[in-house]
Amino acid sequence: MPGKKLKVTLTRSIIGLSPKQEATVKALGLRRMHQTVSHDDTATIRGMIAAVPHVLQVSHEAE
């Protein structure tokens, strides 16, 4: 999937997450609620998103 991008938004607070889940959210570059970042659509990023799907909203970025 070269060239494809994902928009990832933090929709819920990281308060109450396990330390490992909190570290995953921060590794995605999300620090504040409703902050949005853009990432390449890779297996690594998909795995990170799959670890904390309940606090994220993911959409495809228009090319």
PDB file of N, CA and C in Angstrom:
ATOM      1  N   MET A   1       0.824  -1.189   0.000  1.00  0.00           N
ATOM      2  CA  MET A   1       0.000   0.000   0.000  1.00  0.00           C
ATOM      3  C   MET A   1       0.869   1.254   0.000  1.00  0.00           C
ATOM      4  N   PRO A   2       1.787   1.378  -0.911  1.00  0.00           N
ATOM      5  CA  PRO A   2       2.656   2.550  -0.906  1.00  0.00           C
ATOM      6  C   PRO A   2       1.885   3.818  -1.248  1.00  0.00           C
ATOM      7  N   GLY A   3       2.242   4.891  -0.559  1.00  0.00           N
ATOM      8  CA  GLY A   3       1.623   6.169  -0.843  1.00  0.00           C
ATOM      9  C   GLY A   3       0.333   6.425  -0.108  1.00  0.00           C
ATOM     10  N   LYS A   4      -0.236   5.429   0.551  1.00  0.00           N
ATOM     11  CA  LYS A   4      -1.487   5.640   1.273  1.00  0.00           C
ATOM     12  C   LYS A   4      -1.188   6.188   2.657  1.00  0.00           C
ATOM     13  N   LYS A   5      -2.088   7.038   3.137  1.00  0.00           N
ATOM     14  CA  LYS A   5      -1.916   7.678   4.433  1.00  0.00           C
ATOM     15  C   LYS A   5      -3.141   7.423   5.298  1.00  0.00           C
ATOM     16  N   LEU A   6      -2.933   7.427   6.588  1.00  0.00           N
ATOM     17  CA  LEU A   6      -4.012   7.309   7.559  1.00  0.00           C
ATOM     18  C   LEU A   6      -4.022   8.545   8.436  1.00  0.00           C
ATOM     19  N   LYS A   7      -5.210   9.039   8.725  1.00  0.00           N
ATOM     20  CA  LYS A   7      -5.377  10.121   9.686  1.00  0.00           C
ATOM     21  C   LYS A   7      -5.820   9.485  10.992  1.00  0.00           C
ATOM     22  N   VAL A   8      -5.047   9.698  12.050  1.00  0.00           N
ATOM     23  CA  VAL A   8      -5.335   9.110  13.348  1.00  0.00           C
ATOM     24  C   VAL A   8      -5.622  10.239  14.333  1.00  0.00           C
ATOM     25  N   THR A   9      -6.782  10.157  15.011  1.00  0.00           N
ATOM     26  CA  THR A   9      -7.204  11.183  15.956  1.00  0.00           C
ATOM     27  C   THR A   9      -7.428  10.553  17.320  1.00  0.00           C
ATOM     28  N   LEU A  10      -6.922  11.199  18.364  1.00  0.00           N
ATOM     29  CA  LEU A  10      -7.145  10.745  19.731  1.00  0.00           C
ATOM     30  C   LEU A  10      -8.503  11.280  20.184  1.00  0.00           C
ATOM     31  N   THR A  11      -9.458  10.381  20.420  1.00  0.00           N
ATOM     32  CA  THR A  11     -10.823  10.809  20.737  1.00  0.00           C
ATOM     33  C   THR A  11     -11.157  10.695  22.217  1.00  0.00           C
ATOM     34  N   ARG A  12     -10.383   9.919  22.954  1.00  0.00           N
ATOM     35  CA  ARG A  12     -10.625   9.773  24.383  1.00  0.00           C
ATOM     36  C   ARG A  12      -9.326  10.009  25.137  1.00  0.00           C
ATOM     37  N   SER A  13      -9.441  10.325  26.410  1.00  0.00           N
ATOM     38  CA  SER A  13      -8.278  10.605  27.236  1.00  0.00           C
ATOM     39  C   SER A  13      -7.448   9.344  27.455  1.00  0.00           C
ATOM     40  N   ILE A  14      -6.143   9.533  27.634  1.00  0.00           N
ATOM     41  CA  ILE A  14      -5.272   8.401  27.914  1.00  0.00           C
ATOM     42  C   ILE A  14      -5.232   8.088  29.405  1.00  0.00           C
ATOM     43  N   ILE A  15      -5.916   8.888  30.212  1.00  0.00           N
ATOM     44  CA  ILE A  15      -6.004   8.604  31.645  1.00  0.00           C
ATOM     45  C   ILE A  15      -6.719   7.276  31.824  1.00  0.00           C
ATOM     46  N   GLY A  16      -6.138   6.400  32.584  1.00  0.00           N
ATOM     47  CA  GLY A  16      -6.743   5.102  32.844  1.00  0.00           C
ATOM     48  C   GLY A  16      -6.240   3.992  31.940  1.00  0.00           C
ATOM     49  N   LEU A  17      -5.478   4.335  30.923  1.00  0.00           N
ATOM     50  CA  LEU A  17      -4.890   3.300  30.070  1.00  0.00           C
ATOM     51  C   LEU A  17      -3.708   2.661  30.794  1.00  0.00           C
ATOM     52  N   SER A  18      -3.382   1.456  30.407  1.00  0.00           N
ATOM     53  CA  SER A  18      -2.199   0.812  30.969  1.00  0.00           C
ATOM     54  C   SER A  18      -0.962   1.576  30.468  1.00  0.00           C
ATOM     55  N   PRO A  19       0.135   1.481  31.187  1.00  0.00           N
ATOM     56  CA  PRO A  19       1.354   2.184  30.738  1.00  0.00           C
ATOM     57  C   PRO A  19       1.778   1.798  29.325  1.00  0.00           C
ATOM     58  N   LYS A  20       1.586   0.538  28.952  1.00  0.00           N
ATOM     59  CA  LYS A  20       1.955   0.092  27.610  1.00  0.00           C
ATOM     60  C   LYS A  20       1.065   0.744  26.559  1.00  0.00           C
ATOM     61  N   GLN A  21      -0.247   0.830  26.831  1.00  0.00           N
ATOM     62  CA  GLN A  21      -1.171   1.472  25.892  1.00  0.00           C
ATOM     63  C   GLN A  21      -0.886   2.963  25.795  1.00  0.00           C
ATOM     64  N   GLU A  22      -0.586   3.581  26.928  1.00  0.00           N
ATOM     65  CA  GLU A  22      -0.262   5.008  26.937  1.00  0.00           C
ATOM     66  C   GLU A  22       0.987   5.279  26.102  1.00  0.00           C
ATOM     67  N   ALA A  23       1.982   4.418  26.219  1.00  0.00           N
ATOM     68  CA  ALA A  23       3.211   4.571  25.443  1.00  0.00           C
ATOM     69  C   ALA A  23       2.936   4.403  23.950  1.00  0.00           C
ATOM     70  N   THR A  24       2.017   3.515  23.595  1.00  0.00           N
ATOM     71  CA  THR A  24       1.664   3.310  22.188  1.00  0.00           C
ATOM     72  C   THR A  24       1.021   4.559  21.605  1.00  0.00           C
ATOM     73  N   VAL A  25       0.102   5.164  22.361  1.00  0.00           N
ATOM     74  CA  VAL A  25      -0.554   6.393  21.896  1.00  0.00           C
ATOM     75  C   VAL A  25       0.480   7.497  21.714  1.00  0.00           C
ATOM     76  N   LYS A  26       1.382   7.630  22.656  1.00  0.00           N
ATOM     77  CA  LYS A  26       2.412   8.666  22.556  1.00  0.00           C
ATOM     78  C   LYS A  26       3.370   8.388  21.405  1.00  0.00           C
ATOM     79  N   ALA A  27       3.659   7.118  21.143  1.00  0.00           N
ATOM     80  CA  ALA A  27       4.544   6.759  20.032  1.00  0.00           C
ATOM     81  C   ALA A  27       3.907   7.083  18.684  1.00  0.00           C
ATOM     82  N   LEU A  28       2.579   7.112  18.643  1.00  0.00           N
ATOM     83  CA  LEU A  28       1.881   7.524  17.424  1.00  0.00           C
ATOM     84  C   LEU A  28       1.956   9.037  17.226  1.00  0.00           C
ATOM     85  N   GLY A  29       2.459   9.751  18.232  1.00  0.00           N
ATOM     86  CA  GLY A  29       2.607  11.202  18.121  1.00  0.00           C
ATOM     87  C   GLY A  29       1.422  11.967  18.659  1.00  0.00           C
ATOM     88  N   LEU A  30       0.564  11.298  19.417  1.00  0.00           N
ATOM     89  CA  LEU A  30      -0.638  11.941  19.956  1.00  0.00           C
ATOM     90  C   LEU A  30      -0.399  12.333  21.408  1.00  0.00           C
ATOM     91  N   ARG A  31      -0.589  13.599  21.716  1.00  0.00           N
ATOM     92  CA  ARG A  31      -0.353  14.099  23.070  1.00  0.00           C
ATOM     93  C   ARG A  31      -1.629  14.630  23.718  1.00  0.00           C
ATOM     94  N   ARG A  32      -2.518  15.213  22.919  1.00  0.00           N
ATOM     95  CA  ARG A  32      -3.736  15.838  23.443  1.00  0.00           C
ATOM     96  C   ARG A  32      -4.971  15.231  22.807  1.00  0.00           C
ATOM     97  N   MET A  33      -6.088  15.336  23.499  1.00  0.00           N
ATOM     98  CA  MET A  33      -7.349  14.872  22.933  1.00  0.00           C
ATOM     99  C   MET A  33      -7.680  15.694  21.687  1.00  0.00           C
ATOM    100  N   HIS A  34      -8.271  15.052  20.715  1.00  0.00           N
ATOM    101  CA  HIS A  34      -8.700  15.655  19.446  1.00  0.00           C
ATOM    102  C   HIS A  34      -7.528  16.097  18.576  1.00  0.00           C
ATOM    103  N   GLN A  35      -6.333  15.683  18.930  1.00  0.00           N
ATOM    104  CA  GLN A  35      -5.164  15.943  18.081  1.00  0.00           C
ATOM    105  C   GLN A  35      -5.157  14.909  16.961  1.00  0.00           C
ATOM    106  N   THR A  36      -4.815  15.339  15.755  1.00  0.00           N
ATOM    107  CA  THR A  36      -4.789  14.458  14.598  1.00  0.00           C
ATOM    108  C   THR A  36      -3.381  14.424  14.015  1.00  0.00           C
ATOM    109  N   VAL A  37      -2.929  13.220  13.678  1.00  0.00           N
ATOM    110  CA  VAL A  37      -1.637  13.052  13.015  1.00  0.00           C
ATOM    111  C   VAL A  37      -1.837  12.200  11.772  1.00  0.00           C
ATOM    112  N   SER A  38      -0.897  12.300  10.859  1.00  0.00           N
ATOM    113  CA  SER A  38      -0.956  11.544   9.622  1.00  0.00           C
ATOM    114  C   SER A  38       0.215  10.568   9.589  1.00  0.00           C
ATOM    115  N   HIS A  39      -0.077   9.308   9.239  1.00  0.00           N
ATOM    116  CA  HIS A  39       0.958   8.273   9.164  1.00  0.00           C
ATOM    117  C   HIS A  39       0.793   7.498   7.865  1.00  0.00           C
ATOM    118  N   ASP A  40       1.896   6.934   7.387  1.00  0.00           N
ATOM    119  CA  ASP A  40       1.835   6.016   6.255  1.00  0.00           C
ATOM    120  C   ASP A  40       1.065   4.771   6.680  1.00  0.00           C
ATOM    121  N   ASP A  41       0.366   4.174   5.755  1.00  0.00           N
ATOM    122  CA  ASP A  41      -0.412   2.968   6.030  1.00  0.00           C
ATOM    123  C   ASP A  41       0.510   1.755   5.954  1.00  0.00           C
ATOM    124  N   THR A  42       1.173   1.450   7.080  1.00  0.00           N
ATOM    125  CA  THR A  42       2.091   0.319   7.141  1.00  0.00           C
ATOM    126  C   THR A  42       1.599  -0.677   8.182  1.00  0.00           C
ATOM    127  N   ALA A  43       2.161  -1.870   8.148  1.00  0.00           N
ATOM    128  CA  ALA A  43       1.781  -2.908   9.105  1.00  0.00           C
ATOM    129  C   ALA A  43       2.121  -2.488  10.536  1.00  0.00           C
ATOM    130  N   THR A  44       3.211  -1.781  10.715  1.00  0.00           N
ATOM    131  CA  THR A  44       3.620  -1.333  12.047  1.00  0.00           C
ATOM    132  C   THR A  44       2.602  -0.372  12.636  1.00  0.00           C
ATOM    133  N   ILE A  45       2.200   0.619  11.841  1.00  0.00           N
ATOM    134  CA  ILE A  45       1.227   1.601  12.309  1.00  0.00           C
ATOM    135  C   ILE A  45      -0.123   0.932  12.549  1.00  0.00           C
ATOM    136  N   ARG A  46      -0.526   0.023  11.656  1.00  0.00           N
ATOM    137  CA  ARG A  46      -1.786  -0.708  11.838  1.00  0.00           C
ATOM    138  C   ARG A  46      -1.780  -1.500  13.147  1.00  0.00           C
ATOM    139  N   GLY A  47      -0.639  -2.097  13.485  1.00  0.00           N
ATOM    140  CA  GLY A  47      -0.525  -2.842  14.737  1.00  0.00           C
ATOM    141  C   GLY A  47      -0.639  -1.947  15.950  1.00  0.00           C
ATOM    142  N   MET A  48      -0.054  -0.767  15.875  1.00  0.00           N
ATOM    143  CA  MET A  48      -0.152   0.182  16.983  1.00  0.00           C
ATOM    144  C   MET A  48      -1.595   0.643  17.163  1.00  0.00           C
ATOM    145  N   ILE A  49      -2.280   0.890  16.055  1.00  0.00           N
ATOM    146  CA  ILE A  49      -3.677   1.304  16.114  1.00  0.00           C
ATOM    147  C   ILE A  49      -4.534   0.180  16.699  1.00  0.00           C
ATOM    148  N   ALA A  50      -4.236  -1.052  16.328  1.00  0.00           N
ATOM    149  CA  ALA A  50      -5.004  -2.204  16.812  1.00  0.00           C
ATOM    150  C   ALA A  50      -4.836  -2.408  18.316  1.00  0.00           C
ATOM    151  N   ALA A  51      -3.753  -1.897  18.891  1.00  0.00           N
ATOM    152  CA  ALA A  51      -3.511  -2.050  20.319  1.00  0.00           C
ATOM    153  C   ALA A  51      -4.391  -1.134  21.162  1.00  0.00           C
ATOM    154  N   VAL A  52      -4.849  -0.022  20.592  1.00  0.00           N
ATOM    155  CA  VAL A  52      -5.660   0.946  21.344  1.00  0.00           C
ATOM    156  C   VAL A  52      -6.824   1.485  20.506  1.00  0.00           C
ATOM    157  N   PRO A  53      -7.640   0.621  19.908  1.00  0.00           N
ATOM    158  CA  PRO A  53      -8.690   1.113  19.011  1.00  0.00           C
ATOM    159  C   PRO A  53      -9.802   1.876  19.724  1.00  0.00           C
ATOM    160  N   HIS A  54      -9.953   1.645  21.017  1.00  0.00           N
ATOM    161  CA  HIS A  54     -11.044   2.269  21.767  1.00  0.00           C
ATOM    162  C   HIS A  54     -10.808   3.752  22.074  1.00  0.00           C
ATOM    163  N   VAL A  55      -9.609   4.270  21.846  1.00  0.00           N
ATOM    164  CA  VAL A  55      -9.340   5.686  22.096  1.00  0.00           C
ATOM    165  C   VAL A  55      -8.991   6.453  20.826  1.00  0.00           C
ATOM    166  N   LEU A  56      -9.008   5.762  19.671  1.00  0.00           N
ATOM    167  CA  LEU A  56      -8.617   6.380  18.410  1.00  0.00           C
ATOM    168  C   LEU A  56      -9.733   6.371  17.391  1.00  0.00           C
ATOM    169  N   GLN A  57      -9.674   7.337  16.486  1.00  0.00           N
ATOM    170  CA  GLN A  57     -10.518   7.331  15.302  1.00  0.00           C
ATOM    171  C   GLN A  57      -9.574   7.371  14.106  1.00  0.00           C
ATOM    172  N   VAL A  58      -9.771   6.455  13.169  1.00  0.00           N
ATOM    173  CA  VAL A  58      -8.862   6.324  12.032  1.00  0.00           C
ATOM    174  C   VAL A  58      -9.650   6.511  10.737  1.00  0.00           C
ATOM    175  N   SER A  59      -9.084   7.288   9.822  1.00  0.00           N
ATOM    176  CA  SER A  59      -9.707   7.454   8.508  1.00  0.00           C
ATOM    177  C   SER A  59      -8.612   7.550   7.460  1.00  0.00           C
ATOM    178  N   HIS A  60      -8.979   7.293   6.227  1.00  0.00           N
ATOM    179  CA  HIS A  60      -8.037   7.398   5.117  1.00  0.00           C
ATOM    180  C   HIS A  60      -7.932   8.863   4.708  1.00  0.00           C
ATOM    181  N   GLU A  61      -6.727   9.282   4.435  1.00  0.00           N
ATOM    182  CA  GLU A  61      -6.495  10.661   4.011  1.00  0.00           C
ATOM    183  C   GLU A  61      -6.721  10.749   2.505  1.00  0.00           C
ATOM    184  N   ALA A  62      -7.417  11.779   2.098  1.00  0.00           N
ATOM    185  CA  ALA A  62      -7.646  11.987   0.662  1.00  0.00           C
ATOM    186  C   ALA A  62      -6.328  12.310  -0.014  1.00  0.00           C
ATOM    187  N   GLU A  63      -6.066  11.655  -1.118  1.00  0.00           N
ATOM    188  CA  GLU A  63      -4.811  11.857  -1.855  1.00  0.00           C
ATOM    189  C   GLU A  63      -4.963  13.012  -2.809  1.00  0.00           C
TER     190      GLU A  63
END
